[in-house]
Amino acid sequence: MYADRRIRCGSSELEIRGYYFPWGSKHVPYSNIKALTRVDMGTFRGKGRIWGTANPGYWANFDPRRSSKSVGFIVDLGKSVKPFITPDDPDAVERVIRERAGLGPADSGGSAPVI
């Protein structure tokens, strides 16, 4: 399916590595994903955040290479905190998640929130 150092898309779930301190993974069954929003990152909109958040509505997994990336995803699980992920190959991850979670076509999410 898809795997990099921080994200794994398996046959039945999305694994977000480095989500919990210090290194615990978050396992998300595709059936729990309500929406996936692709966003462009900027200095104060995700790129500068290695792990955690400054915004209580989002949580970024540990990714020390996030500052070199330009695209992120907000994974809506229907809860108050939404995971924010930055895969190495955004197109591949988006394709797998949308297919496995039964989500419709992508909508432009615009800029990432302040994270």
PDB file of N, CA and C in Angstrom:
ATOM      1  N   MET A   1       0.824  -1.185   0.000  1.00  0.00           N
ATOM      2  CA  MET A   1       0.000   0.000   0.000  1.00  0.00           C
ATOM      3  C   MET A   1       0.877   1.262   0.000  1.00  0.00           C
ATOM      4  N   TYR A   2       1.317   1.680   1.216  1.00  0.00           N
ATOM      5  CA  TYR A   2       2.214   2.836   1.323  1.00  0.00           C
ATOM      6  C   TYR A   2       2.879   2.809   2.694  1.00  0.00           C
ATOM      7  N   ALA A   3       4.153   3.172   2.720  1.00  0.00           N
ATOM      8  CA  ALA A   3       4.849   3.323   4.006  1.00  0.00           C
ATOM      9  C   ALA A   3       6.044   4.251   3.836  1.00  0.00           C
ATOM     10  N   ASP A   4       6.222   5.134   4.806  1.00  0.00           N
ATOM     11  CA  ASP A   4       7.454   5.902   4.944  1.00  0.00           C
ATOM     12  C   ASP A   4       7.819   5.843   6.426  1.00  0.00           C
ATOM     13  N   ARG A   5       8.741   6.650   6.872  1.00  0.00           N
ATOM     14  CA  ARG A   5       9.176   6.553   8.277  1.00  0.00           C
ATOM     15  C   ARG A   5       8.106   6.983   9.268  1.00  0.00           C
ATOM     16  N   ARG A   6       7.138   7.791   8.847  1.00  0.00           N
ATOM     17  CA  ARG A   6       6.154   8.362   9.776  1.00  0.00           C
ATOM     18  C   ARG A   6       4.717   7.897   9.547  1.00  0.00           C
ATOM     19  N   ILE A   7       4.423   7.419   8.354  1.00  0.00           N
ATOM     20  CA  ILE A   7       3.050   7.058   7.983  1.00  0.00           C
ATOM     21  C   ILE A   7       3.059   5.676   7.330  1.00  0.00           C
ATOM     22  N   ARG A   8       2.071   4.852   7.700  1.00  0.00           N
ATOM     23  CA  ARG A   8       1.887   3.570   7.016  1.00  0.00           C
ATOM     24  C   ARG A   8       0.409   3.406   6.705  1.00  0.00           C
ATOM     25  N   CYS A   9       0.116   3.152   5.450  1.00  0.00           N
ATOM     26  CA  CYS A   9      -1.251   2.859   5.022  1.00  0.00           C
ATOM     27  C   CYS A   9      -1.316   1.367   4.736  1.00  0.00           C
ATOM     28  N   GLY A  10      -1.917   0.628   5.650  1.00  0.00           N
ATOM     29  CA  GLY A  10      -2.063  -0.807   5.474  1.00  0.00           C
ATOM     30  C   GLY A  10      -3.379  -1.131   4.799  1.00  0.00           C
ATOM     31  N   SER A  11      -3.748  -2.394   4.819  1.00  0.00           N
ATOM     32  CA  SER A  11      -4.978  -2.805   4.142  1.00  0.00           C
ATOM     33  C   SER A  11      -6.233  -2.379   4.896  1.00  0.00           C
ATOM     34  N   SER A  12      -6.132  -2.228   6.231  1.00  0.00           N
ATOM     35  CA  SER A  12      -7.341  -1.905   7.003  1.00  0.00           C
ATOM     36  C   SER A  12      -7.230  -0.653   7.867  1.00  0.00           C
ATOM     37  N   GLU A  13      -6.017  -0.087   7.981  1.00  0.00           N
ATOM     38  CA  GLU A  13      -5.857   1.072   8.862  1.00  0.00           C
ATOM     39  C   GLU A  13      -4.716   1.971   8.439  1.00  0.00           C
ATOM     40  N   LEU A  14      -4.806   3.198   8.918  1.00  0.00           N
ATOM     41  CA  LEU A  14      -3.741   4.185   8.798  1.00  0.00           C
ATOM     42  C   LEU A  14      -2.965   4.149  10.106  1.00  0.00           C
ATOM     43  N   GLU A  15      -1.653   3.987  10.026  1.00  0.00           N
ATOM     44  CA  GLU A  15      -0.809   4.040  11.218  1.00  0.00           C
ATOM     45  C   GLU A  15      -0.018   5.340  11.173  1.00  0.00           C
ATOM     46  N   ILE A  16      -0.199   6.160  12.211  1.00  0.00           N
ATOM     47  CA  ILE A  16       0.525   7.425  12.320  1.00  0.00           C
ATOM     48  C   ILE A  16       1.602   7.211  13.376  1.00  0.00           C
ATOM     49  N   ARG A  17       2.833   7.059  12.931  1.00  0.00           N
ATOM     50  CA  ARG A  17       3.945   6.775  13.843  1.00  0.00           C
ATOM     51  C   ARG A  17       4.387   8.057  14.541  1.00  0.00           C
ATOM     52  N   GLY A  18       4.841   7.915  15.784  1.00  0.00           N
ATOM     53  CA  GLY A  18       5.300   9.070  16.544  1.00  0.00           C
ATOM     54  C   GLY A  18       4.182   9.997  16.970  1.00  0.00           C
ATOM     55  N   TYR A  19       2.980   9.477  17.086  1.00  0.00           N
ATOM     56  CA  TYR A  19       1.836  10.305  17.475  1.00  0.00           C
ATOM     57  C   TYR A  19       1.815  10.541  18.981  1.00  0.00           C
ATOM     58  N   TYR A  20       2.040   9.482  19.732  1.00  0.00           N
ATOM     59  CA  TYR A  20       2.027   9.569  21.198  1.00  0.00           C
ATOM     60  C   TYR A  20       3.452   9.642  21.729  1.00  0.00           C
ATOM     61  N   PHE A  21       3.649  10.377  22.812  1.00  0.00           N
ATOM     62  CA  PHE A  21       4.967  10.512  23.424  1.00  0.00           C
ATOM     63  C   PHE A  21       5.357   9.213  24.105  1.00  0.00           C
ATOM     64  N   PRO A  22       6.596   8.735  23.999  1.00  0.00           N
ATOM     65  CA  PRO A  22       7.610   9.327  23.140  1.00  0.00           C
ATOM     66  C   PRO A  22       7.563   8.818  21.700  1.00  0.00           C
ATOM     67  N   TRP A  23       7.143   7.602  21.464  1.00  0.00           N
ATOM     68  CA  TRP A  23       7.191   7.075  20.102  1.00  0.00           C
ATOM     69  C   TRP A  23       5.964   6.257  19.717  1.00  0.00           C
ATOM     70  N   GLY A  24       4.918   6.293  20.475  1.00  0.00           N
ATOM     71  CA  GLY A  24       3.750   5.451  20.210  1.00  0.00           C
ATOM     72  C   GLY A  24       3.003   5.829  18.936  1.00  0.00           C
ATOM     73  N   SER A  25       2.487   4.815  18.277  1.00  0.00           N
ATOM     74  CA  SER A  25       1.724   5.013  17.042  1.00  0.00           C
ATOM     75  C   SER A  25       0.231   5.124  17.321  1.00  0.00           C
ATOM     76  N   LYS A  26      -0.450   5.855  16.469  1.00  0.00           N
ATOM     77  CA  LYS A  26      -1.915   5.912  16.502  1.00  0.00           C
ATOM     78  C   LYS A  26      -2.402   5.057  15.336  1.00  0.00           C
ATOM     79  N   HIS A  27      -3.290   4.122  15.624  1.00  0.00           N
ATOM     80  CA  HIS A  27      -3.856   3.239  14.607  1.00  0.00           C
ATOM     81  C   HIS A  27      -5.289   3.678  14.338  1.00  0.00           C
ATOM     82  N   VAL A  28      -5.559   4.039  13.093  1.00  0.00           N
ATOM     83  CA  VAL A  28      -6.869   4.561  12.715  1.00  0.00           C
ATOM     84  C   VAL A  28      -7.484   3.655  11.648  1.00  0.00           C
ATOM     85  N   PRO A  29      -8.529   2.905  11.997  1.00  0.00           N
ATOM     86  CA  PRO A  29      -9.228   2.132  10.961  1.00  0.00           C
ATOM     87  C   PRO A  29      -9.791   3.097   9.910  1.00  0.00           C
ATOM     88  N   TYR A  30      -9.687   2.722   8.650  1.00  0.00           N
ATOM     89  CA  TYR A  30     -10.184   3.605   7.588  1.00  0.00           C
ATOM     90  C   TYR A  30     -11.655   3.947   7.786  1.00  0.00           C
ATOM     91  N   SER A  31     -12.412   3.041   8.370  1.00  0.00           N
ATOM     92  CA  SER A  31     -13.847   3.289   8.585  1.00  0.00           C
ATOM     93  C   SER A  31     -14.103   4.434   9.565  1.00  0.00           C
ATOM     94  N   ASN A  32     -13.092   4.820  10.349  1.00  0.00           N
ATOM     95  CA  ASN A  32     -13.237   5.930  11.304  1.00  0.00           C
ATOM     96  C   ASN A  32     -12.930   7.294  10.684  1.00  0.00           C
ATOM     97  N   ILE A  33     -12.388   7.311   9.485  1.00  0.00           N
ATOM     98  CA  ILE A  33     -12.007   8.575   8.843  1.00  0.00           C
ATOM     99  C   ILE A  33     -13.228   9.185   8.160  1.00  0.00           C
ATOM    100  N   LYS A  34     -13.623  10.365   8.635  1.00  0.00           N
ATOM    101  CA  LYS A  34     -14.803  11.072   8.112  1.00  0.00           C
ATOM    102  C   LYS A  34     -14.458  11.971   6.930  1.00  0.00           C
ATOM    103  N   ALA A  35     -13.259  12.562   6.961  1.00  0.00           N
ATOM    104  CA  ALA A  35     -12.827  13.468   5.893  1.00  0.00           C
ATOM    105  C   ALA A  35     -11.309  13.559   5.904  1.00  0.00           C
ATOM    106  N   LEU A  36     -10.756  13.894   4.751  1.00  0.00           N
ATOM    107  CA  LEU A  36      -9.320  14.101   4.603  1.00  0.00           C
ATOM    108  C   LEU A  36      -9.147  15.407   3.848  1.00  0.00           C
ATOM    109  N   THR A  37      -8.466  16.368   4.466  1.00  0.00           N
ATOM    110  CA  THR A  37      -8.284  17.680   3.846  1.00  0.00           C
ATOM    111  C   THR A  37      -6.812  17.915   3.560  1.00  0.00           C
ATOM    112  N   ARG A  38      -6.496  18.149   2.295  1.00  0.00           N
ATOM    113  CA  ARG A  38      -5.126  18.447   1.865  1.00  0.00           C
ATOM    114  C   ARG A  38      -4.898  19.942   2.042  1.00  0.00           C
ATOM    115  N   VAL A  39      -3.786  20.304   2.672  1.00  0.00           N
ATOM    116  CA  VAL A  39      -3.502  21.716   2.931  1.00  0.00           C
ATOM    117  C   VAL A  39      -2.063  22.061   2.559  1.00  0.00           C
ATOM    118  N   ASP A  40      -1.868  23.312   2.173  1.00  0.00           N
ATOM    119  CA  ASP A  40      -0.531  23.834   1.914  1.00  0.00           C
ATOM    120  C   ASP A  40       0.025  24.368   3.226  1.00  0.00           C
ATOM    121  N   MET A  41       1.266  24.016   3.515  1.00  0.00           N
ATOM    122  CA  MET A  41       1.881  24.453   4.773  1.00  0.00           C
ATOM    123  C   MET A  41       2.735  25.694   4.567  1.00  0.00           C
ATOM    124  N   GLY A  42       2.830  26.480   5.627  1.00  0.00           N
ATOM    125  CA  GLY A  42       3.695  27.646   5.659  1.00  0.00           C
ATOM    126  C   GLY A  42       4.462  27.642   6.975  1.00  0.00           C
ATOM    127  N   THR A  43       5.259  28.640   7.204  1.00  0.00           N
ATOM    128  CA  THR A  43       6.095  28.704   8.398  1.00  0.00           C
ATOM    129  C   THR A  43       5.304  28.541   9.683  1.00  0.00           C
ATOM    130  N   PHE A  44       4.199  29.256   9.827  1.00  0.00           N
ATOM    131  CA  PHE A  44       3.386  29.152  11.036  1.00  0.00           C
ATOM    132  C   PHE A  44       2.179  28.241  10.831  1.00  0.00           C
ATOM    133  N   ARG A  45       2.135  27.585   9.732  1.00  0.00           N
ATOM    134  CA  ARG A  45       1.006  26.717   9.392  1.00  0.00           C
ATOM    135  C   ARG A  45       1.485  25.293   9.136  1.00  0.00           C
ATOM    136  N   GLY A  46       2.235  24.778  10.113  1.00  0.00           N
ATOM    137  CA  GLY A  46       2.640  23.384  10.083  1.00  0.00           C
ATOM    138  C   GLY A  46       4.110  23.125   9.855  1.00  0.00           C
ATOM    139  N   LYS A  47       4.767  23.892   8.997  1.00  0.00           N
ATOM    140  CA  LYS A  47       6.169  23.617   8.672  1.00  0.00           C
ATOM    141  C   LYS A  47       7.097  23.701   9.877  1.00  0.00           C
ATOM    142  N   GLY A  48       6.834  24.615  10.770  1.00  0.00           N
ATOM    143  CA  GLY A  48       7.711  24.811  11.919  1.00  0.00           C
ATOM    144  C   GLY A  48       7.419  23.890  13.096  1.00  0.00           C
ATOM    145  N   ARG A  49       6.430  23.045  12.978  1.00  0.00           N
ATOM    146  CA  ARG A  49       6.003  22.182  14.088  1.00  0.00           C
ATOM    147  C   ARG A  49       6.563  20.776  13.884  1.00  0.00           C
ATOM    148  N   ILE A  50       7.536  20.387  14.695  1.00  0.00           N
ATOM    149  CA  ILE A  50       8.109  19.042  14.598  1.00  0.00           C
ATOM    150  C   ILE A  50       7.174  18.011  15.215  1.00  0.00           C
ATOM    151  N   TRP A  51       6.522  18.365  16.314  1.00  0.00           N
ATOM    152  CA  TRP A  51       5.624  17.446  17.007  1.00  0.00           C
ATOM    153  C   TRP A  51       4.682  18.242  17.894  1.00  0.00           C
ATOM    154  N   GLY A  52       3.447  17.795  18.016  1.00  0.00           N
ATOM    155  CA  GLY A  52       2.508  18.441  18.929  1.00  0.00           C
ATOM    156  C   GLY A  52       1.686  19.522  18.259  1.00  0.00           C
ATOM    157  N   THR A  53       1.370  20.574  19.027  1.00  0.00           N
ATOM    158  CA  THR A  53       0.520  21.634  18.496  1.00  0.00           C
ATOM    159  C   THR A  53       0.546  22.882  19.370  1.00  0.00           C
ATOM    160  N   ALA A  54       0.165  23.990  18.768  1.00  0.00           N
ATOM    161  CA  ALA A  54      -0.121  25.210  19.524  1.00  0.00           C
ATOM    162  C   ALA A  54      -1.614  25.476  19.423  1.00  0.00           C
ATOM    163  N   ASN A  55      -2.320  24.609  18.706  1.00  0.00           N
ATOM    164  CA  ASN A  55      -3.754  24.736  18.466  1.00  0.00           C
ATOM    165  C   ASN A  55      -4.433  23.467  18.990  1.00  0.00           C
ATOM    166  N   PRO A  56      -5.273  23.571  20.001  1.00  0.00           N
ATOM    167  CA  PRO A  56      -5.854  22.375  20.619  1.00  0.00           C
ATOM    168  C   PRO A  56      -6.779  21.558  19.716  1.00  0.00           C
ATOM    169  N   GLY A  57      -7.079  22.027  18.517  1.00  0.00           N
ATOM    170  CA  GLY A  57      -7.936  21.276  17.607  1.00  0.00           C
ATOM    171  C   GLY A  57      -7.193  20.311  16.701  1.00  0.00           C
ATOM    172  N   TYR A  58      -5.846  20.350  16.746  1.00  0.00           N
ATOM    173  CA  TYR A  58      -5.033  19.528  15.844  1.00  0.00           C
ATOM    174  C   TYR A  58      -3.863  18.936  16.613  1.00  0.00           C
ATOM    175  N   TRP A  59      -3.346  17.807  16.112  1.00  0.00           N
ATOM    176  CA  TRP A  59      -2.157  17.200  16.719  1.00  0.00           C
ATOM    177  C   TRP A  59      -1.264  16.677  15.614  1.00  0.00           C
ATOM    178  N   ALA A  60      -0.031  17.168  15.567  1.00  0.00           N
ATOM    179  CA  ALA A  60       0.944  16.754  14.563  1.00  0.00           C
ATOM    180  C   ALA A  60       1.836  15.659  15.129  1.00  0.00           C
ATOM    181  N   ASN A  61       1.939  14.550  14.399  1.00  0.00           N
ATOM    182  CA  ASN A  61       2.843  13.484  14.827  1.00  0.00           C
ATOM    183  C   ASN A  61       4.288  13.958  14.696  1.00  0.00           C
ATOM    184  N   PHE A  62       5.211  13.250  15.318  1.00  0.00           N
ATOM    185  CA  PHE A  62       6.628  13.591  15.274  1.00  0.00           C
ATOM    186  C   PHE A  62       7.142  13.433  13.844  1.00  0.00           C
ATOM    187  N   ASP A  63       7.650  14.513  13.269  1.00  0.00           N
ATOM    188  CA  ASP A  63       8.231  14.485  11.927  1.00  0.00           C
ATOM    189  C   ASP A  63       9.301  15.566  11.832  1.00  0.00           C
ATOM    190  N   PRO A  64      10.569  15.198  12.108  1.00  0.00           N
ATOM    191  CA  PRO A  64      11.640  16.196  12.075  1.00  0.00           C
ATOM    192  C   PRO A  64      11.918  16.743  10.672  1.00  0.00           C
ATOM    193  N   ARG A  65      11.370  16.122   9.636  1.00  0.00           N
ATOM    194  CA  ARG A  65      11.570  16.599   8.264  1.00  0.00           C
ATOM    195  C   ARG A  65      10.396  17.438   7.761  1.00  0.00           C
ATOM    196  N   ARG A  66       9.444  17.739   8.634  1.00  0.00           N
ATOM    197  CA  ARG A  66       8.250  18.490   8.219  1.00  0.00           C
ATOM    198  C   ARG A  66       8.612  19.850   7.610  1.00  0.00           C
ATOM    199  N   SER A  67       9.655  20.493   8.102  1.00  0.00           N
ATOM    200  CA  SER A  67      10.009  21.833   7.606  1.00  0.00           C
ATOM    201  C   SER A  67      10.411  21.822   6.130  1.00  0.00           C
ATOM    202  N   SER A  68      10.788  20.662   5.604  1.00  0.00           N
ATOM    203  CA  SER A  68      11.173  20.577   4.191  1.00  0.00           C
ATOM    204  C   SER A  68      10.004  20.161   3.293  1.00  0.00           C
ATOM    205  N   LYS A  69       8.833  19.984   3.880  1.00  0.00           N
ATOM    206  CA  LYS A  69       7.656  19.549   3.118  1.00  0.00           C
ATOM    207  C   LYS A  69       6.711  20.728   2.904  1.00  0.00           C
ATOM    208  N   SER A  70       5.858  20.616   1.896  1.00  0.00           N
ATOM    209  CA  SER A  70       4.949  21.726   1.605  1.00  0.00           C
ATOM    210  C   SER A  70       3.471  21.346   1.694  1.00  0.00           C
ATOM    211  N   VAL A  71       3.168  20.038   1.814  1.00  0.00           N
ATOM    212  CA  VAL A  71       1.784  19.572   1.842  1.00  0.00           C
ATOM    213  C   VAL A  71       1.536  18.734   3.088  1.00  0.00           C
ATOM    214  N   GLY A  72       0.402  18.977   3.719  1.00  0.00           N
ATOM    215  CA  GLY A  72      -0.016  18.175   4.868  1.00  0.00           C
ATOM    216  C   GLY A  72      -1.472  17.777   4.719  1.00  0.00           C
ATOM    217  N   PHE A  73      -1.927  16.907   5.630  1.00  0.00           N
ATOM    218  CA  PHE A  73      -3.322  16.469   5.622  1.00  0.00           C
ATOM    219  C   PHE A  73      -3.912  16.564   7.014  1.00  0.00           C
ATOM    220  N   ILE A  74      -5.131  17.025   7.081  1.00  0.00           N
ATOM    221  CA  ILE A  74      -5.903  16.991   8.318  1.00  0.00           C
ATOM    222  C   ILE A  74      -6.818  15.781   8.197  1.00  0.00           C
ATOM    223  N   VAL A  75      -6.702  14.874   9.169  1.00  0.00           N
ATOM    224  CA  VAL A  75      -7.500  13.650   9.167  1.00  0.00           C
ATOM    225  C   VAL A  75      -8.640  13.847  10.165  1.00  0.00           C
ATOM    226  N   ASP A  76      -9.844  13.976   9.653  1.00  0.00           N
ATOM    227  CA  ASP A  76     -11.016  14.215  10.502  1.00  0.00           C
ATOM    228  C   ASP A  76     -11.607  12.879  10.937  1.00  0.00           C
ATOM    229  N   LEU A  77     -11.562  12.632  12.251  1.00  0.00           N
ATOM    230  CA  LEU A  77     -12.098  11.398  12.822  1.00  0.00           C
ATOM    231  C   LEU A  77     -13.428  11.642  13.517  1.00  0.00           C
ATOM    232  N   GLY A  78     -13.978  12.846  13.345  1.00  0.00           N
ATOM    233  CA  GLY A  78     -15.239  13.182  13.990  1.00  0.00           C
ATOM    234  C   GLY A  78     -15.082  13.490  15.467  1.00  0.00           C
ATOM    235  N   LYS A  79     -13.863  13.787  15.889  1.00  0.00           N
ATOM    236  CA  LYS A  79     -13.585  14.115  17.292  1.00  0.00           C
ATOM    237  C   LYS A  79     -13.022  15.526  17.369  1.00  0.00           C
ATOM    238  N   SER A  80     -12.841  16.018  18.577  1.00  0.00           N
ATOM    239  CA  SER A  80     -12.399  17.405  18.741  1.00  0.00           C
ATOM    240  C   SER A  80     -10.960  17.641  18.296  1.00  0.00           C
ATOM    241  N   VAL A  81     -10.111  16.624  18.350  1.00  0.00           N
ATOM    242  CA  VAL A  81      -8.720  16.770  17.918  1.00  0.00           C
ATOM    243  C   VAL A  81      -8.525  15.986  16.626  1.00  0.00           C
ATOM    244  N   LYS A  82      -7.987  16.666  15.618  1.00  0.00           N
ATOM    245  CA  LYS A  82      -7.761  16.047  14.316  1.00  0.00           C
ATOM    246  C   LYS A  82      -6.263  15.831  14.103  1.00  0.00           C
ATOM    247  N   PRO A  83      -5.844  14.614  13.756  1.00  0.00           N
ATOM    248  CA  PRO A  83      -4.434  14.391  13.434  1.00  0.00           C
ATOM    249  C   PRO A  83      -4.023  15.197  12.203  1.00  0.00           C
ATOM    250  N   PHE A  84      -2.790  15.704  12.246  1.00  0.00           N
ATOM    251  CA  PHE A  84      -2.191  16.433  11.132  1.00  0.00           C
ATOM    252  C   PHE A  84      -0.972  15.634  10.705  1.00  0.00           C
ATOM    253  N   ILE A  85      -0.947  15.161   9.456  1.00  0.00           N
ATOM    254  CA  ILE A  85       0.147  14.313   8.981  1.00  0.00           C
ATOM    255  C   ILE A  85       0.818  14.923   7.761  1.00  0.00           C
ATOM    256  N   THR A  86       2.097  14.586   7.581  1.00  0.00           N
ATOM    257  CA  THR A  86       2.872  15.093   6.455  1.00  0.00           C
ATOM    258  C   THR A  86       3.671  13.943   5.837  1.00  0.00           C
ATOM    259  N   PRO A  87       3.037  13.150   4.990  1.00  0.00           N
ATOM    260  CA  PRO A  87       3.729  12.020   4.371  1.00  0.00           C
ATOM    261  C   PRO A  87       4.783  12.475   3.362  1.00  0.00           C
ATOM    262  N   ASP A  88       5.743  11.589   3.092  1.00  0.00           N
ATOM    263  CA  ASP A  88       6.768  11.887   2.094  1.00  0.00           C
ATOM    264  C   ASP A  88       6.176  11.956   0.685  1.00  0.00           C
ATOM    265  N   ASP A  89       5.166  11.137   0.417  1.00  0.00           N
ATOM    266  CA  ASP A  89       4.505  11.120  -0.892  1.00  0.00           C
ATOM    267  C   ASP A  89       3.017  11.427  -0.691  1.00  0.00           C
ATOM    268  N   PRO A  90       2.663  12.713  -0.643  1.00  0.00           N
ATOM    269  CA  PRO A  90       1.280  13.097  -0.357  1.00  0.00           C
ATOM    270  C   PRO A  90       0.253  12.519  -1.335  1.00  0.00           C
ATOM    271  N   ASP A  91       0.594  12.464  -2.617  1.00  0.00           N
ATOM    272  CA  ASP A  91      -0.362  11.960  -3.603  1.00  0.00           C
ATOM    273  C   ASP A  91      -0.699  10.494  -3.358  1.00  0.00           C
ATOM    274  N   ALA A  92       0.307   9.687  -3.055  1.00  0.00           N
ATOM    275  CA  ALA A  92       0.087   8.259  -2.803  1.00  0.00           C
ATOM    276  C   ALA A  92      -0.764   8.047  -1.557  1.00  0.00           C
ATOM    277  N   VAL A  93      -0.469   8.780  -0.489  1.00  0.00           N
ATOM    278  CA  VAL A  93      -1.234   8.633   0.755  1.00  0.00           C
ATOM    279  C   VAL A  93      -2.677   9.071   0.552  1.00  0.00           C
ATOM    280  N   GLU A  94      -2.866  10.177  -0.122  1.00  0.00           N
ATOM    281  CA  GLU A  94      -4.228  10.649  -0.366  1.00  0.00           C
ATOM    282  C   GLU A  94      -5.026   9.626  -1.173  1.00  0.00           C
ATOM    283  N   ARG A  95      -4.407   9.061  -2.196  1.00  0.00           N
ATOM    284  CA  ARG A  95      -5.082   8.071  -3.036  1.00  0.00           C
ATOM    285  C   ARG A  95      -5.513   6.849  -2.213  1.00  0.00           C
ATOM    286  N   VAL A  96      -4.603   6.316  -1.390  1.00  0.00           N
ATOM    287  CA  VAL A  96      -4.910   5.128  -0.583  1.00  0.00           C
ATOM    288  C   VAL A  96      -6.001   5.427   0.440  1.00  0.00           C
ATOM    289  N   ILE A  97      -5.869   6.523   1.180  1.00  0.00           N
ATOM    290  CA  ILE A  97      -6.856   6.837   2.225  1.00  0.00           C
ATOM    291  C   ILE A  97      -8.237   7.066   1.612  1.00  0.00           C
ATOM    292  N   ARG A  98      -8.309   7.836   0.536  1.00  0.00           N
ATOM    293  CA  ARG A  98      -9.610   8.098  -0.086  1.00  0.00           C
ATOM    294  C   ARG A  98     -10.254   6.803  -0.582  1.00  0.00           C
ATOM    295  N   GLU A  99      -9.453   5.934  -1.168  1.00  0.00           N
ATOM    296  CA  GLU A  99      -9.982   4.662  -1.669  1.00  0.00           C
ATOM    297  C   GLU A  99     -10.446   3.769  -0.521  1.00  0.00           C
ATOM    298  N   ARG A 100      -9.603   3.578   0.480  1.00  0.00           N
ATOM    299  CA  ARG A 100      -9.901   2.664   1.589  1.00  0.00           C
ATOM    300  C   ARG A 100     -10.998   3.193   2.510  1.00  0.00           C
ATOM    301  N   ALA A 101     -11.058   4.510   2.690  1.00  0.00           N
ATOM    302  CA  ALA A 101     -12.061   5.093   3.595  1.00  0.00           C
ATOM    303  C   ALA A 101     -13.372   5.398   2.869  1.00  0.00           C
ATOM    304  N   GLY A 102     -13.390   5.218   1.557  1.00  0.00           N
ATOM    305  CA  GLY A 102     -14.603   5.492   0.788  1.00  0.00           C
ATOM    306  C   GLY A 102     -14.948   6.965   0.728  1.00  0.00           C
ATOM    307  N   LEU A 103     -13.915   7.806   0.696  1.00  0.00           N
ATOM    308  CA  LEU A 103     -14.135   9.256   0.648  1.00  0.00           C
ATOM    309  C   LEU A 103     -14.259   9.724  -0.792  1.00  0.00           C
ATOM    310  N   GLY A 104     -14.971  10.797  -0.991  1.00  0.00           N
ATOM    311  CA  GLY A 104     -15.146  11.370  -2.318  1.00  0.00           C
ATOM    312  C   GLY A 104     -13.881  12.056  -2.796  1.00  0.00           C
ATOM    313  N   PRO A 105     -13.977  12.734  -3.933  1.00  0.00           N
ATOM    314  CA  PRO A 105     -12.821  13.438  -4.476  1.00  0.00           C
ATOM    315  C   PRO A 105     -12.326  14.534  -3.535  1.00  0.00           C
ATOM    316  N   ALA A 106     -11.061  14.854  -3.701  1.00  0.00           N
ATOM    317  CA  ALA A 106     -10.422  15.854  -2.844  1.00  0.00           C
ATOM    318  C   ALA A 106     -10.994  17.238  -3.084  1.00  0.00           C
ATOM    319  N   ASP A 107     -11.124  18.005  -2.011  1.00  0.00           N
ATOM    320  CA  ASP A 107     -11.433  19.417  -2.137  1.00  0.00           C
ATOM    321  C   ASP A 107     -10.193  20.163  -1.695  1.00  0.00           C
ATOM    322  N   SER A 108      -9.973  21.302  -2.281  1.00  0.00           N
ATOM    323  CA  SER A 108      -8.826  22.107  -1.902  1.00  0.00           C
ATOM    324  C   SER A 108      -9.049  22.657  -0.505  1.00  0.00           C
ATOM    325  N   GLY A 109      -8.158  22.327   0.390  1.00  0.00           N
ATOM    326  CA  GLY A 109      -8.296  22.767   1.770  1.00  0.00           C
ATOM    327  C   GLY A 109      -7.687  24.125   2.035  1.00  0.00           C
ATOM    328  N   GLY A 110      -6.917  24.647   1.073  1.00  0.00           N
ATOM    329  CA  GLY A 110      -6.283  25.937   1.286  1.00  0.00           C
ATOM    330  C   GLY A 110      -5.052  25.820   2.157  1.00  0.00           C
ATOM    331  N   SER A 111      -4.886  26.759   3.068  1.00  0.00           N
ATOM    332  CA  SER A 111      -3.722  26.777   3.954  1.00  0.00           C
ATOM    333  C   SER A 111      -3.986  25.962   5.205  1.00  0.00           C
ATOM    334  N   ALA A 112      -2.927  25.409   5.737  1.00  0.00           N
ATOM    335  CA  ALA A 112      -3.026  24.659   6.987  1.00  0.00           C
ATOM    336  C   ALA A 112      -3.388  25.611   8.122  1.00  0.00           C
ATOM    337  N   PRO A 113      -4.032  25.107   9.173  1.00  0.00           N
ATOM    338  CA  PRO A 113      -4.295  25.956  10.338  1.00  0.00           C
ATOM    339  C   PRO A 113      -2.988  26.252  11.069  1.00  0.00           C
ATOM    340  N   VAL A 114      -3.008  27.209  11.955  1.00  0.00           N
ATOM    341  CA  VAL A 114      -1.839  27.463  12.793  1.00  0.00           C
ATOM    342  C   VAL A 114      -1.700  26.260  13.715  1.00  0.00           C
ATOM    343  N   ILE A 115      -0.565  25.588  13.605  1.00  0.00           N
ATOM    344  CA  ILE A 115      -0.357  24.357  14.384  1.00  0.00           C
ATOM    345  C   ILE A 115       0.860  24.504  15.264  1.00  0.00           C
TER     346      ILE A 115
END
